[in-house]
């Protein structure tokens, strides 16, 4: 993952390239940006409220989202079915531990995503 300063430099370079476009091209570029740009707070809220991986769907990472969602559902079913509650709890804990760093880095993740989008 890039550092904050690297992300700012990358964004400044992108903005400089956009500044060279014609007025009509700038309008189109900004219209597309508004349509597809993602909000870091929404990403963080999806991560915090639903540790099942819904934040991955928000930025188009369907495969990772499906894997997280599936593992979380299996963990919940195992935990409450009283068949293998420890395995269920372990699966939930693994998902939680892999998603926790993304919660704290949501600003960087979305900043990088938006820069790549531009």
PDB file of N, CA and C in Angstrom:
ATOM      1  N   UNK A   1       0.839  -1.166   0.000  1.00  0.00           N
ATOM      2  CA  UNK A   1       0.000   0.000   0.000  1.00  0.00           C
ATOM      3  C   UNK A   1       0.892   1.239   0.000  1.00  0.00           C
ATOM      4  N   UNK A   2       0.457   2.235  -0.738  1.00  0.00           N
ATOM      5  CA  UNK A   2       1.226   3.464  -0.840  1.00  0.00           C
ATOM      6  C   UNK A   2       1.095   4.304   0.428  1.00  0.00           C
ATOM      7  N   UNK A   3       2.084   5.149   0.646  1.00  0.00           N
ATOM      8  CA  UNK A   3       2.023   6.067   1.771  1.00  0.00           C
ATOM      9  C   UNK A   3       1.207   7.290   1.374  1.00  0.00           C
ATOM     10  N   UNK A   4       0.761   8.037   2.383  1.00  0.00           N
ATOM     11  CA  UNK A   4      -0.071   9.215   2.138  1.00  0.00           C
ATOM     12  C   UNK A   4       0.593  10.207   1.198  1.00  0.00           C
ATOM     13  N   UNK A   5       1.880  10.471   1.411  1.00  0.00           N
ATOM     14  CA  UNK A   5       2.582  11.454   0.573  1.00  0.00           C
ATOM     15  C   UNK A   5       2.653  10.988  -0.875  1.00  0.00           C
ATOM     16  N   UNK A   6       2.904   9.697  -1.081  1.00  0.00           N
ATOM     17  CA  UNK A   6       2.934   9.162  -2.446  1.00  0.00           C
ATOM     18  C   UNK A   6       1.571   9.302  -3.116  1.00  0.00           C
ATOM     19  N   UNK A   7       0.518   9.060  -2.367  1.00  0.00           N
ATOM     20  CA  UNK A   7      -0.831   9.190  -2.912  1.00  0.00           C
ATOM     21  C   UNK A   7      -1.144  10.636  -3.274  1.00  0.00           C
ATOM     22  N   UNK A   8      -0.709  11.579  -2.445  1.00  0.00           N
ATOM     23  CA  UNK A   8      -0.936  12.998  -2.753  1.00  0.00           C
ATOM     24  C   UNK A   8      -0.170  13.424  -4.006  1.00  0.00           C
ATOM     25  N   UNK A   9       1.060  12.968  -4.127  1.00  0.00           N
ATOM     26  CA  UNK A   9       1.861  13.294  -5.310  1.00  0.00           C
ATOM     27  C   UNK A   9       1.204  12.721  -6.556  1.00  0.00           C
ATOM     28  N   UNK A  10       0.758  11.484  -6.474  1.00  0.00           N
ATOM     29  CA  UNK A  10       0.082  10.852  -7.608  1.00  0.00           C
ATOM     30  C   UNK A  10      -1.175  11.630  -7.992  1.00  0.00           C
ATOM     31  N   UNK A  11      -1.949  12.060  -6.996  1.00  0.00           N
ATOM     32  CA  UNK A  11      -3.154  12.828  -7.286  1.00  0.00           C
ATOM     33  C   UNK A  11      -2.809  14.173  -7.925  1.00  0.00           C
ATOM     34  N   UNK A  12      -1.770  14.834  -7.436  1.00  0.00           N
ATOM     35  CA  UNK A  12      -1.357  16.112  -8.021  1.00  0.00           C
ATOM     36  C   UNK A  12      -0.944  15.936  -9.482  1.00  0.00           C
ATOM     37  N   UNK A  13      -0.243  14.855  -9.775  1.00  0.00           N
ATOM     38  CA  UNK A  13       0.160  14.579 -11.158  1.00  0.00           C
ATOM     39  C   UNK A  13      -1.065  14.347 -12.038  1.00  0.00           C
ATOM     40  N   UNK A  14      -2.033  13.616 -11.527  1.00  0.00           N
ATOM     41  CA  UNK A  14      -3.268  13.391 -12.273  1.00  0.00           C
ATOM     42  C   UNK A  14      -4.013  14.703 -12.508  1.00  0.00           C
ATOM     43  N   UNK A  15      -4.084  15.534 -11.478  1.00  0.00           N
ATOM     44  CA  UNK A  15      -4.765  16.831 -11.615  1.00  0.00           C
ATOM     45  C   UNK A  15      -4.037  17.718 -12.634  1.00  0.00           C
ATOM     46  N   UNK A  16      -2.716  17.656 -12.663  1.00  0.00           N
ATOM     47  CA  UNK A  16      -1.949  18.436 -13.640  1.00  0.00           C
ATOM     48  C   UNK A  16      -2.243  17.956 -15.057  1.00  0.00           C
ATOM     49  N   UNK A  17      -2.380  16.648 -15.235  1.00  0.00           N
ATOM     50  CA  UNK A  17      -2.717  16.109 -16.554  1.00  0.00           C
ATOM     51  C   UNK A  17      -4.126  16.538 -16.968  1.00  0.00           C
ATOM     52  N   UNK A  18      -5.034  16.556 -16.031  1.00  0.00           N
ATOM     53  CA  UNK A  18      -6.408  16.977 -16.317  1.00  0.00           C
ATOM     54  C   UNK A  18      -6.435  18.463 -16.686  1.00  0.00           C
ATOM     55  N   UNK A  19      -5.588  19.251 -16.047  1.00  0.00           N
ATOM     56  CA  UNK A  19      -5.544  20.694 -16.325  1.00  0.00           C
ATOM     57  C   UNK A  19      -5.152  20.976 -17.778  1.00  0.00           C
ATOM     58  N   UNK A  20      -4.456  20.050 -18.405  1.00  0.00           N
ATOM     59  CA  UNK A  20      -4.032  20.234 -19.795  1.00  0.00           C
ATOM     60  C   UNK A  20      -5.132  19.911 -20.802  1.00  0.00           C
ATOM     61  N   UNK A  21      -6.216  19.327 -20.344  1.00  0.00           N
ATOM     62  CA  UNK A  21      -7.309  18.939 -21.241  1.00  0.00           C
ATOM     63  C   UNK A  21      -8.125  20.160 -21.661  1.00  0.00           C
ATOM     64  N   UNK A  22      -8.874  19.987 -22.735  1.00  0.00           N
ATOM     65  CA  UNK A  22      -9.786  21.053 -23.164  1.00  0.00           C
ATOM     66  C   UNK A  22     -10.932  21.164 -22.154  1.00  0.00           C
ATOM     67  N   UNK A  23     -11.685  22.241 -22.227  1.00  0.00           N
ATOM     68  CA  UNK A  23     -12.784  22.462 -21.287  1.00  0.00           C
ATOM     69  C   UNK A  23     -13.810  21.331 -21.378  1.00  0.00           C
ATOM     70  N   UNK A  24     -14.141  20.916 -22.583  1.00  0.00           N
ATOM     71  CA  UNK A  24     -15.119  19.834 -22.754  1.00  0.00           C
ATOM     72  C   UNK A  24     -14.582  18.509 -22.188  1.00  0.00           C
ATOM     73  N   UNK A  25     -13.307  18.234 -22.418  1.00  0.00           N
ATOM     74  CA  UNK A  25     -12.706  17.014 -21.886  1.00  0.00           C
ATOM     75  C   UNK A  25     -12.670  17.048 -20.349  1.00  0.00           C
ATOM     76  N   UNK A  26     -12.394  18.224 -19.784  1.00  0.00           N
ATOM     77  CA  UNK A  26     -12.408  18.373 -18.318  1.00  0.00           C
ATOM     78  C   UNK A  26     -13.804  18.099 -17.770  1.00  0.00           C
ATOM     79  N   UNK A  27     -14.819  18.652 -18.456  1.00  0.00           N
ATOM     80  CA  UNK A  27     -16.194  18.423 -18.023  1.00  0.00           C
ATOM     81  C   UNK A  27     -16.514  16.930 -18.000  1.00  0.00           C
ATOM     82  N   UNK A  28     -16.141  16.251 -19.066  1.00  0.00           N
ATOM     83  CA  UNK A  28     -16.392  14.809 -19.145  1.00  0.00           C
ATOM     84  C   UNK A  28     -15.621  14.056 -18.057  1.00  0.00           C
ATOM     85  N   UNK A  29     -14.390  14.460 -17.861  1.00  0.00           N
ATOM     86  CA  UNK A  29     -13.546  13.807 -16.850  1.00  0.00           C
ATOM     87  C   UNK A  29     -14.141  13.979 -15.456  1.00  0.00           C
ATOM     88  N   UNK A  30     -14.548  15.195 -15.114  1.00  0.00           N
ATOM     89  CA  UNK A  30     -15.113  15.438 -13.790  1.00  0.00           C
ATOM     90  C   UNK A  30     -16.478  14.769 -13.622  1.00  0.00           C
ATOM     91  N   UNK A  31     -17.246  14.682 -14.694  1.00  0.00           N
ATOM     92  CA  UNK A  31     -18.535  13.993 -14.618  1.00  0.00           C
ATOM     93  C   UNK A  31     -18.324  12.504 -14.335  1.00  0.00           C
ATOM     94  N   UNK A  32     -17.355  11.907 -15.006  1.00  0.00           N
ATOM     95  CA  UNK A  32     -17.043  10.494 -14.751  1.00  0.00           C
ATOM     96  C   UNK A  32     -16.487  10.297 -13.341  1.00  0.00           C
ATOM     97  N   UNK A  33     -15.664  11.236 -12.912  1.00  0.00           N
ATOM     98  CA  UNK A  33     -15.089  11.141 -11.572  1.00  0.00           C
ATOM     99  C   UNK A  33     -16.194  11.165 -10.517  1.00  0.00           C
ATOM    100  N   UNK A  34     -17.135  12.077 -10.653  1.00  0.00           N
ATOM    101  CA  UNK A  34     -18.238  12.154  -9.692  1.00  0.00           C
ATOM    102  C   UNK A  34     -19.100  10.892  -9.703  1.00  0.00           C
ATOM    103  N   UNK A  35     -19.208  10.289 -10.869  1.00  0.00           N
ATOM    104  CA  UNK A  35     -20.043   9.097 -11.007  1.00  0.00           C
ATOM    105  C   UNK A  35     -19.397   7.870 -10.355  1.00  0.00           C
ATOM    106  N   UNK A  36     -18.076   7.751 -10.451  1.00  0.00           N
ATOM    107  CA  UNK A  36     -17.417   6.515 -10.030  1.00  0.00           C
ATOM    108  C   UNK A  36     -16.555   6.629  -8.776  1.00  0.00           C
ATOM    109  N   UNK A  37     -16.288   7.827  -8.314  1.00  0.00           N
ATOM    110  CA  UNK A  37     -15.417   8.005  -7.156  1.00  0.00           C
ATOM    111  C   UNK A  37     -16.076   7.410  -5.906  1.00  0.00           C
ATOM    112  N   UNK A  38     -15.279   6.869  -5.028  1.00  0.00           N
ATOM    113  CA  UNK A  38     -15.783   6.212  -3.815  1.00  0.00           C
ATOM    114  C   UNK A  38     -15.446   7.042  -2.584  1.00  0.00           C
ATOM    115  N   UNK A  39     -16.294   6.908  -1.555  1.00  0.00           N
ATOM    116  CA  UNK A  39     -16.151   7.656  -0.315  1.00  0.00           C
ATOM    117  C   UNK A  39     -15.484   6.781   0.747  1.00  0.00           C
ATOM    118  N   UNK A  40     -14.385   7.253   1.345  1.00  0.00           N
ATOM    119  CA  UNK A  40     -13.708   6.440   2.363  1.00  0.00           C
ATOM    120  C   UNK A  40     -14.567   6.175   3.598  1.00  0.00           C
ATOM    121  N   UNK A  41     -15.454   7.099   3.934  1.00  0.00           N
ATOM    122  CA  UNK A  41     -16.307   6.893   5.109  1.00  0.00           C
ATOM    123  C   UNK A  41     -17.318   5.766   4.876  1.00  0.00           C
ATOM    124  N   UNK A  42     -17.847   5.679   3.659  1.00  0.00           N
ATOM    125  CA  UNK A  42     -18.775   4.584   3.333  1.00  0.00           C
ATOM    126  C   UNK A  42     -18.045   3.247   3.404  1.00  0.00           C
ATOM    127  N   UNK A  43     -16.829   3.215   2.856  1.00  0.00           N
ATOM    128  CA  UNK A  43     -16.011   2.006   2.894  1.00  0.00           C
ATOM    129  C   UNK A  43     -15.755   1.581   4.343  1.00  0.00           C
ATOM    130  N   UNK A  44     -15.379   2.548   5.185  1.00  0.00           N
ATOM    131  CA  UNK A  44     -15.091   2.239   6.589  1.00  0.00           C
ATOM    132  C   UNK A  44     -16.355   1.783   7.318  1.00  0.00           C
ATOM    133  N   UNK A  45     -17.490   2.414   7.025  1.00  0.00           N
ATOM    134  CA  UNK A  45     -18.748   2.018   7.675  1.00  0.00           C
ATOM    135  C   UNK A  45     -19.146   0.601   7.280  1.00  0.00           C
ATOM    136  N   UNK A  46     -19.005   0.269   6.007  1.00  0.00           N
ATOM    137  CA  UNK A  46     -19.319  -1.096   5.568  1.00  0.00           C
ATOM    138  C   UNK A  46     -18.391  -2.099   6.234  1.00  0.00           C
ATOM    139  N   UNK A  47     -17.138  -1.721   6.400  1.00  0.00           N
ATOM    140  CA  UNK A  47     -16.180  -2.614   7.050  1.00  0.00           C
ATOM    141  C   UNK A  47     -16.510  -2.758   8.528  1.00  0.00           C
ATOM    142  N   UNK A  48     -16.828  -1.676   9.187  1.00  0.00           N
ATOM    143  CA  UNK A  48     -17.090  -1.711  10.624  1.00  0.00           C
ATOM    144  C   UNK A  48     -18.390  -2.435  10.955  1.00  0.00           C
ATOM    145  N   UNK A  49     -19.440  -2.116  10.220  1.00  0.00           N
ATOM    146  CA  UNK A  49     -20.748  -2.688  10.538  1.00  0.00           C
ATOM    147  C   UNK A  49     -20.895  -4.124  10.074  1.00  0.00           C
ATOM    148  N   UNK A  50     -20.285  -4.439   8.965  1.00  0.00           N
ATOM    149  CA  UNK A  50     -20.453  -5.772   8.376  1.00  0.00           C
ATOM    150  C   UNK A  50     -19.073  -6.341   8.066  1.00  0.00           C
ATOM    151  N   UNK A  51     -18.487  -6.981   9.038  1.00  0.00           N
ATOM    152  CA  UNK A  51     -17.149  -7.543   8.840  1.00  0.00           C
ATOM    153  C   UNK A  51     -17.144  -8.681   7.832  1.00  0.00           C
ATOM    154  N   UNK A  52     -18.284  -8.942   7.243  1.00  0.00           N
ATOM    155  CA  UNK A  52     -18.413 -10.061   6.318  1.00  0.00           C
ATOM    156  C   UNK A  52     -17.834  -9.761   4.939  1.00  0.00           C
ATOM    157  N   UNK A  53     -17.251  -8.592   4.727  1.00  0.00           N
ATOM    158  CA  UNK A  53     -16.598  -8.310   3.452  1.00  0.00           C
ATOM    159  C   UNK A  53     -17.395  -7.453   2.497  1.00  0.00           C
ATOM    160  N   UNK A  54     -18.471  -6.820   2.955  1.00  0.00           N
ATOM    161  CA  UNK A  54     -19.289  -6.010   2.051  1.00  0.00           C
ATOM    162  C   UNK A  54     -18.536  -4.807   1.499  1.00  0.00           C
ATOM    163  N   UNK A  55     -17.529  -4.329   2.214  1.00  0.00           N
ATOM    164  CA  UNK A  55     -16.755  -3.198   1.731  1.00  0.00           C
ATOM    165  C   UNK A  55     -15.972  -3.554   0.469  1.00  0.00           C
ATOM    166  N   UNK A  56     -15.669  -4.831   0.279  1.00  0.00           N
ATOM    167  CA  UNK A  56     -14.978  -5.252  -0.952  1.00  0.00           C
ATOM    168  C   UNK A  56     -15.896  -5.103  -2.169  1.00  0.00           C
ATOM    169  N   UNK A  57     -17.172  -5.395  -1.977  1.00  0.00           N
ATOM    170  CA  UNK A  57     -18.130  -5.215  -3.073  1.00  0.00           C
ATOM    171  C   UNK A  57     -18.221  -3.742  -3.461  1.00  0.00           C
ATOM    172  N   UNK A  58     -18.101  -2.854  -2.481  1.00  0.00           N
ATOM    173  CA  UNK A  58     -18.210  -1.406  -2.706  1.00  0.00           C
ATOM    174  C   UNK A  58     -17.158  -0.917  -3.702  1.00  0.00           C
ATOM    175  N   UNK A  59     -15.958  -1.508  -3.668  1.00  0.00           N
ATOM    176  CA  UNK A  59     -14.914  -1.066  -4.591  1.00  0.00           C
ATOM    177  C   UNK A  59     -14.671  -2.075  -5.717  1.00  0.00           C
ATOM    178  N   UNK A  60     -15.625  -2.972  -5.912  1.00  0.00           N
ATOM    179  CA  UNK A  60     -15.580  -3.861  -7.064  1.00  0.00           C
ATOM    180  C   UNK A  60     -14.720  -5.100  -6.916  1.00  0.00           C
ATOM    181  N   UNK A  61     -14.301  -5.429  -5.713  1.00  0.00           N
ATOM    182  CA  UNK A  61     -13.508  -6.639  -5.490  1.00  0.00           C
ATOM    183  C   UNK A  61     -14.460  -7.768  -5.115  1.00  0.00           C
ATOM    184  N   UNK A  62     -15.192  -8.243  -6.113  1.00  0.00           N
ATOM    185  CA  UNK A  62     -16.249  -9.239  -5.900  1.00  0.00           C
ATOM    186  C   UNK A  62     -15.718 -10.564  -5.379  1.00  0.00           C
ATOM    187  N   UNK A  63     -14.608 -11.016  -5.924  1.00  0.00           N
ATOM    188  CA  UNK A  63     -14.082 -12.319  -5.532  1.00  0.00           C
ATOM    189  C   UNK A  63     -13.709 -12.330  -4.043  1.00  0.00           C
ATOM    190  N   UNK A  64     -12.982 -11.315  -3.617  1.00  0.00           N
ATOM    191  CA  UNK A  64     -12.596 -11.249  -2.199  1.00  0.00           C
ATOM    192  C   UNK A  64     -13.825 -11.072  -1.312  1.00  0.00           C
ATOM    193  N   UNK A  65     -14.773 -10.273  -1.770  1.00  0.00           N
ATOM    194  CA  UNK A  65     -16.002 -10.077  -1.010  1.00  0.00           C
ATOM    195  C   UNK A  65     -16.772 -11.373  -0.828  1.00  0.00           C
ATOM    196  N   UNK A  66     -16.868 -12.157  -1.900  1.00  0.00           N
ATOM    197  CA  UNK A  66     -17.581 -13.440  -1.821  1.00  0.00           C
ATOM    198  C   UNK A  66     -16.875 -14.429  -0.893  1.00  0.00           C
ATOM    199  N   UNK A  67     -15.545 -14.440  -0.951  1.00  0.00           N
ATOM    200  CA  UNK A  67     -14.780 -15.334  -0.071  1.00  0.00           C
ATOM    201  C   UNK A  67     -15.020 -14.953   1.393  1.00  0.00           C
ATOM    202  N   UNK A  68     -14.901 -13.661   1.700  1.00  0.00           N
ATOM    203  CA  UNK A  68     -15.119 -13.211   3.082  1.00  0.00           C
ATOM    204  C   UNK A  68     -16.540 -13.484   3.548  1.00  0.00           C
ATOM    205  N   UNK A  69     -17.501 -13.175   2.701  1.00  0.00           N
ATOM    206  CA  UNK A  69     -18.902 -13.385   3.059  1.00  0.00           C
ATOM    207  C   UNK A  69     -19.193 -14.858   3.298  1.00  0.00           C
ATOM    208  N   UNK A  70     -18.693 -15.720   2.436  1.00  0.00           N
ATOM    209  CA  UNK A  70     -18.897 -17.157   2.576  1.00  0.00           C
ATOM    210  C   UNK A  70     -18.270 -17.683   3.869  1.00  0.00           C
ATOM    211  N   UNK A  71     -17.020 -17.294   4.118  1.00  0.00           N
ATOM    212  CA  UNK A  71     -16.356 -17.758   5.346  1.00  0.00           C
ATOM    213  C   UNK A  71     -17.058 -17.242   6.594  1.00  0.00           C
ATOM    214  N   UNK A  72     -17.521 -16.004   6.543  1.00  0.00           N
ATOM    215  CA  UNK A  72     -18.229 -15.445   7.696  1.00  0.00           C
ATOM    216  C   UNK A  72     -19.536 -16.192   7.938  1.00  0.00           C
ATOM    217  N   UNK A  73     -20.292 -16.460   6.874  1.00  0.00           N
ATOM    218  CA  UNK A  73     -21.555 -17.188   7.026  1.00  0.00           C
ATOM    219  C   UNK A  73     -21.328 -18.603   7.538  1.00  0.00           C
ATOM    220  N   UNK A  74     -20.306 -19.274   7.029  1.00  0.00           N
ATOM    221  CA  UNK A  74     -19.972 -20.614   7.514  1.00  0.00           C
ATOM    222  C   UNK A  74     -19.607 -20.551   8.994  1.00  0.00           C
ATOM    223  N   UNK A  75     -18.825 -19.545   9.371  1.00  0.00           N
ATOM    224  CA  UNK A  75     -18.444 -19.384  10.768  1.00  0.00           C
ATOM    225  C   UNK A  75     -19.645 -19.163  11.673  1.00  0.00           C
ATOM    226  N   UNK A  76     -20.572 -18.326  11.236  1.00  0.00           N
ATOM    227  CA  UNK A  76     -21.768 -18.050  12.037  1.00  0.00           C
ATOM    228  C   UNK A  76     -22.628 -19.303  12.165  1.00  0.00           C
ATOM    229  N   UNK A  77     -22.821 -20.023  11.054  1.00  0.00           N
ATOM    230  CA  UNK A  77     -23.626 -21.247  11.087  1.00  0.00           C
ATOM    231  C   UNK A  77     -22.989 -22.282  12.012  1.00  0.00           C
ATOM    232  N   UNK A  78     -21.678 -22.475  11.887  1.00  0.00           N
ATOM    233  CA  UNK A  78     -20.999 -23.444  12.755  1.00  0.00           C
ATOM    234  C   UNK A  78     -21.079 -23.033  14.221  1.00  0.00           C
ATOM    235  N   UNK A  79     -20.936 -21.753  14.473  1.00  0.00           N
ATOM    236  CA  UNK A  79     -20.960 -21.278  15.862  1.00  0.00           C
ATOM    237  C   UNK A  79     -22.321 -21.505  16.515  1.00  0.00           C
ATOM    238  N   UNK A  80     -23.387 -21.186  15.793  1.00  0.00           N
ATOM    239  CA  UNK A  80     -24.719 -21.301  16.387  1.00  0.00           C
ATOM    240  C   UNK A  80     -25.353 -22.678  16.227  1.00  0.00           C
ATOM    241  N   UNK A  81     -24.756 -23.548  15.423  1.00  0.00           N
ATOM    242  CA  UNK A  81     -25.329 -24.884  15.250  1.00  0.00           C
ATOM    243  C   UNK A  81     -24.908 -25.837  16.366  1.00  0.00           C
ATOM    244  N   UNK A  82     -23.969 -25.440  17.172  1.00  0.00           N
ATOM    245  CA  UNK A  82     -23.460 -26.242  18.283  1.00  0.00           C
ATOM    246  C   UNK A  82     -22.774 -27.517  17.799  1.00  0.00           C
ATOM    247  N   UNK A  83     -22.462 -27.582  16.499  1.00  0.00           N
ATOM    248  CA  UNK A  83     -21.722 -28.730  15.975  1.00  0.00           C
ATOM    249  C   UNK A  83     -20.234 -28.503  16.214  1.00  0.00           C
ATOM    250  N   UNK A  84     -19.738 -27.409  15.697  1.00  0.00           N
ATOM    251  CA  UNK A  84     -18.336 -27.048  15.871  1.00  0.00           C
ATOM    252  C   UNK A  84     -18.228 -25.565  16.225  1.00  0.00           C
ATOM    253  N   UNK A  85     -18.683 -25.189  17.405  1.00  0.00           N
ATOM    254  CA  UNK A  85     -18.694 -23.761  17.739  1.00  0.00           C
ATOM    255  C   UNK A  85     -17.304 -23.131  17.781  1.00  0.00           C
ATOM    256  N   UNK A  86     -16.293 -23.903  18.188  1.00  0.00           N
ATOM    257  CA  UNK A  86     -14.943 -23.349  18.236  1.00  0.00           C
ATOM    258  C   UNK A  86     -14.413 -23.056  16.832  1.00  0.00           C
ATOM    259  N   UNK A  87     -14.709 -23.947  15.894  1.00  0.00           N
ATOM    260  CA  UNK A  87     -14.292 -23.709  14.503  1.00  0.00           C
ATOM    261  C   UNK A  87     -15.018 -22.487  13.937  1.00  0.00           C
ATOM    262  N   UNK A  88     -16.292 -22.354  14.254  1.00  0.00           N
ATOM    263  CA  UNK A  88     -17.061 -21.195  13.811  1.00  0.00           C
ATOM    264  C   UNK A  88     -16.493 -19.909  14.376  1.00  0.00           C
ATOM    265  N   UNK A  89     -16.184 -19.920  15.661  1.00  0.00           N
ATOM    266  CA  UNK A  89     -15.595 -18.746  16.299  1.00  0.00           C
ATOM    267  C   UNK A  89     -14.227 -18.436  15.701  1.00  0.00           C
ATOM    268  N   UNK A  90     -13.467 -19.475  15.385  1.00  0.00           N
ATOM    269  CA  UNK A  90     -12.152 -19.273  14.788  1.00  0.00           C
ATOM    270  C   UNK A  90     -12.270 -18.635  13.402  1.00  0.00           C
ATOM    271  N   UNK A  91     -13.230 -19.098  12.598  1.00  0.00           N
ATOM    272  CA  UNK A  91     -13.434 -18.498  11.275  1.00  0.00           C
ATOM    273  C   UNK A  91     -13.829 -17.026  11.383  1.00  0.00           C
ATOM    274  N   UNK A  92     -14.734 -16.728  12.296  1.00  0.00           N
ATOM    275  CA  UNK A  92     -15.154 -15.340  12.504  1.00  0.00           C
ATOM    276  C   UNK A  92     -13.962 -14.492  12.953  1.00  0.00           C
ATOM    277  N   UNK A  93     -13.147 -15.030  13.837  1.00  0.00           N
ATOM    278  CA  UNK A  93     -11.970 -14.308  14.323  1.00  0.00           C
ATOM    279  C   UNK A  93     -10.961 -14.072  13.194  1.00  0.00           C
ATOM    280  N   UNK A  94     -10.765 -15.058  12.327  1.00  0.00           N
ATOM    281  CA  UNK A  94      -9.842 -14.902  11.198  1.00  0.00           C
ATOM    282  C   UNK A  94     -10.319 -13.786  10.268  1.00  0.00           C
ATOM    283  N   UNK A  95     -11.601 -13.772   9.956  1.00  0.00           N
ATOM    284  CA  UNK A  95     -12.162 -12.707   9.110  1.00  0.00           C
ATOM    285  C   UNK A  95     -11.974 -11.358   9.786  1.00  0.00           C
ATOM    286  N   UNK A  96     -12.273 -11.301  11.076  1.00  0.00           N
ATOM    287  CA  UNK A  96     -12.119 -10.058  11.822  1.00  0.00           C
ATOM    288  C   UNK A  96     -10.678  -9.556  11.777  1.00  0.00           C
ATOM    289  N   UNK A  97      -9.725 -10.443  11.992  1.00  0.00           N
ATOM    290  CA  UNK A  97      -8.311 -10.048  12.025  1.00  0.00           C
ATOM    291  C   UNK A  97      -7.793  -9.619  10.648  1.00  0.00           C
ATOM    292  N   UNK A  98      -8.322 -10.205   9.573  1.00  0.00           N
ATOM    293  CA  UNK A  98      -7.870  -9.795   8.244  1.00  0.00           C
ATOM    294  C   UNK A  98      -8.523  -8.490   7.805  1.00  0.00           C
ATOM    295  N   UNK A  99      -9.704  -8.206   8.316  1.00  0.00           N
ATOM    296  CA  UNK A  99     -10.411  -6.991   7.916  1.00  0.00           C
ATOM    297  C   UNK A  99     -10.095  -5.792   8.801  1.00  0.00           C
ATOM    298  N   UNK A 100      -9.623  -6.020  10.004  1.00  0.00           N
ATOM    299  CA  UNK A 100      -9.335  -4.921  10.917  1.00  0.00           C
ATOM    300  C   UNK A 100      -8.311  -3.926  10.358  1.00  0.00           C
ATOM    301  N   UNK A 101      -7.200  -4.371   9.772  1.00  0.00           N
ATOM    302  CA  UNK A 101      -6.257  -3.397   9.206  1.00  0.00           C
ATOM    303  C   UNK A 101      -6.881  -2.551   8.089  1.00  0.00           C
ATOM    304  N   UNK A 102      -7.809  -3.131   7.341  1.00  0.00           N
ATOM    305  CA  UNK A 102      -8.456  -2.375   6.280  1.00  0.00           C
ATOM    306  C   UNK A 102      -9.350  -1.288   6.844  1.00  0.00           C
ATOM    307  N   UNK A 103      -9.906  -1.534   8.008  1.00  0.00           N
ATOM    308  CA  UNK A 103     -10.727  -0.512   8.654  1.00  0.00           C
ATOM    309  C   UNK A 103      -9.866   0.704   8.990  1.00  0.00           C
ATOM    310  N   UNK A 104      -8.691   0.463   9.531  1.00  0.00           N
ATOM    311  CA  UNK A 104      -7.819   1.567   9.921  1.00  0.00           C
ATOM    312  C   UNK A 104      -7.132   2.229   8.728  1.00  0.00           C
ATOM    313  N   UNK A 105      -7.070   1.538   7.605  1.00  0.00           N
ATOM    314  CA  UNK A 105      -6.443   2.093   6.402  1.00  0.00           C
ATOM    315  C   UNK A 105      -7.461   2.460   5.335  1.00  0.00           C
ATOM    316  N   UNK A 106      -8.714   2.628   5.704  1.00  0.00           N
ATOM    317  CA  UNK A 106      -9.756   2.883   4.704  1.00  0.00           C
ATOM    318  C   UNK A 106      -9.502   4.153   3.903  1.00  0.00           C
ATOM    319  N   UNK A 107      -8.973   5.188   4.540  1.00  0.00           N
ATOM    320  CA  UNK A 107      -8.681   6.431   3.822  1.00  0.00           C
ATOM    321  C   UNK A 107      -7.670   6.172   2.709  1.00  0.00           C
ATOM    322  N   UNK A 108      -6.583   5.478   3.032  1.00  0.00           N
ATOM    323  CA  UNK A 108      -5.546   5.187   2.042  1.00  0.00           C
ATOM    324  C   UNK A 108      -6.072   4.285   0.936  1.00  0.00           C
ATOM    325  N   UNK A 109      -6.822   3.268   1.316  1.00  0.00           N
ATOM    326  CA  UNK A 109      -7.338   2.309   0.333  1.00  0.00           C
ATOM    327  C   UNK A 109      -8.219   3.015  -0.689  1.00  0.00           C
ATOM    328  N   UNK A 110      -9.119   3.862  -0.226  1.00  0.00           N
ATOM    329  CA  UNK A 110     -10.027   4.549  -1.136  1.00  0.00           C
ATOM    330  C   UNK A 110      -9.302   5.642  -1.905  1.00  0.00           C
ATOM    331  N   UNK A 111      -8.359   6.318  -1.274  1.00  0.00           N
ATOM    332  CA  UNK A 111      -7.558   7.324  -1.963  1.00  0.00           C
ATOM    333  C   UNK A 111      -6.821   6.681  -3.144  1.00  0.00           C
ATOM    334  N   UNK A 112      -6.207   5.535  -2.893  1.00  0.00           N
ATOM    335  CA  UNK A 112      -5.492   4.813  -3.941  1.00  0.00           C
ATOM    336  C   UNK A 112      -6.459   4.326  -5.020  1.00  0.00           C
ATOM    337  N   UNK A 113      -7.611   3.819  -4.607  1.00  0.00           N
ATOM    338  CA  UNK A 113      -8.620   3.359  -5.563  1.00  0.00           C
ATOM    339  C   UNK A 113      -9.069   4.506  -6.466  1.00  0.00           C
ATOM    340  N   UNK A 114      -9.365   5.646  -5.858  1.00  0.00           N
ATOM    341  CA  UNK A 114      -9.825   6.796  -6.635  1.00  0.00           C
ATOM    342  C   UNK A 114      -8.745   7.310  -7.584  1.00  0.00           C
ATOM    343  N   UNK A 115      -7.481   7.297  -7.146  1.00  0.00           N
ATOM    344  CA  UNK A 115      -6.386   7.708  -8.034  1.00  0.00           C
ATOM    345  C   UNK A 115      -6.272   6.760  -9.225  1.00  0.00           C
ATOM    346  N   UNK A 116      -6.388   5.473  -8.972  1.00  0.00           N
ATOM    347  CA  UNK A 116      -6.331   4.505 -10.077  1.00  0.00           C
ATOM    348  C   UNK A 116      -7.509   4.673 -11.021  1.00  0.00           C
ATOM    349  N   UNK A 117      -8.641   5.017 -10.465  1.00  0.00           N
ATOM    350  CA  UNK A 117      -9.826   5.244 -11.273  1.00  0.00           C
ATOM    351  C   UNK A 117      -9.638   6.434 -12.215  1.00  0.00           C
ATOM    352  N   UNK A 118      -9.019   7.471 -11.686  1.00  0.00           N
ATOM    353  CA  UNK A 118      -8.804   8.680 -12.508  1.00  0.00           C
ATOM    354  C   UNK A 118      -7.809   8.383 -13.613  1.00  0.00           C
TER     355      UNK A 118
END
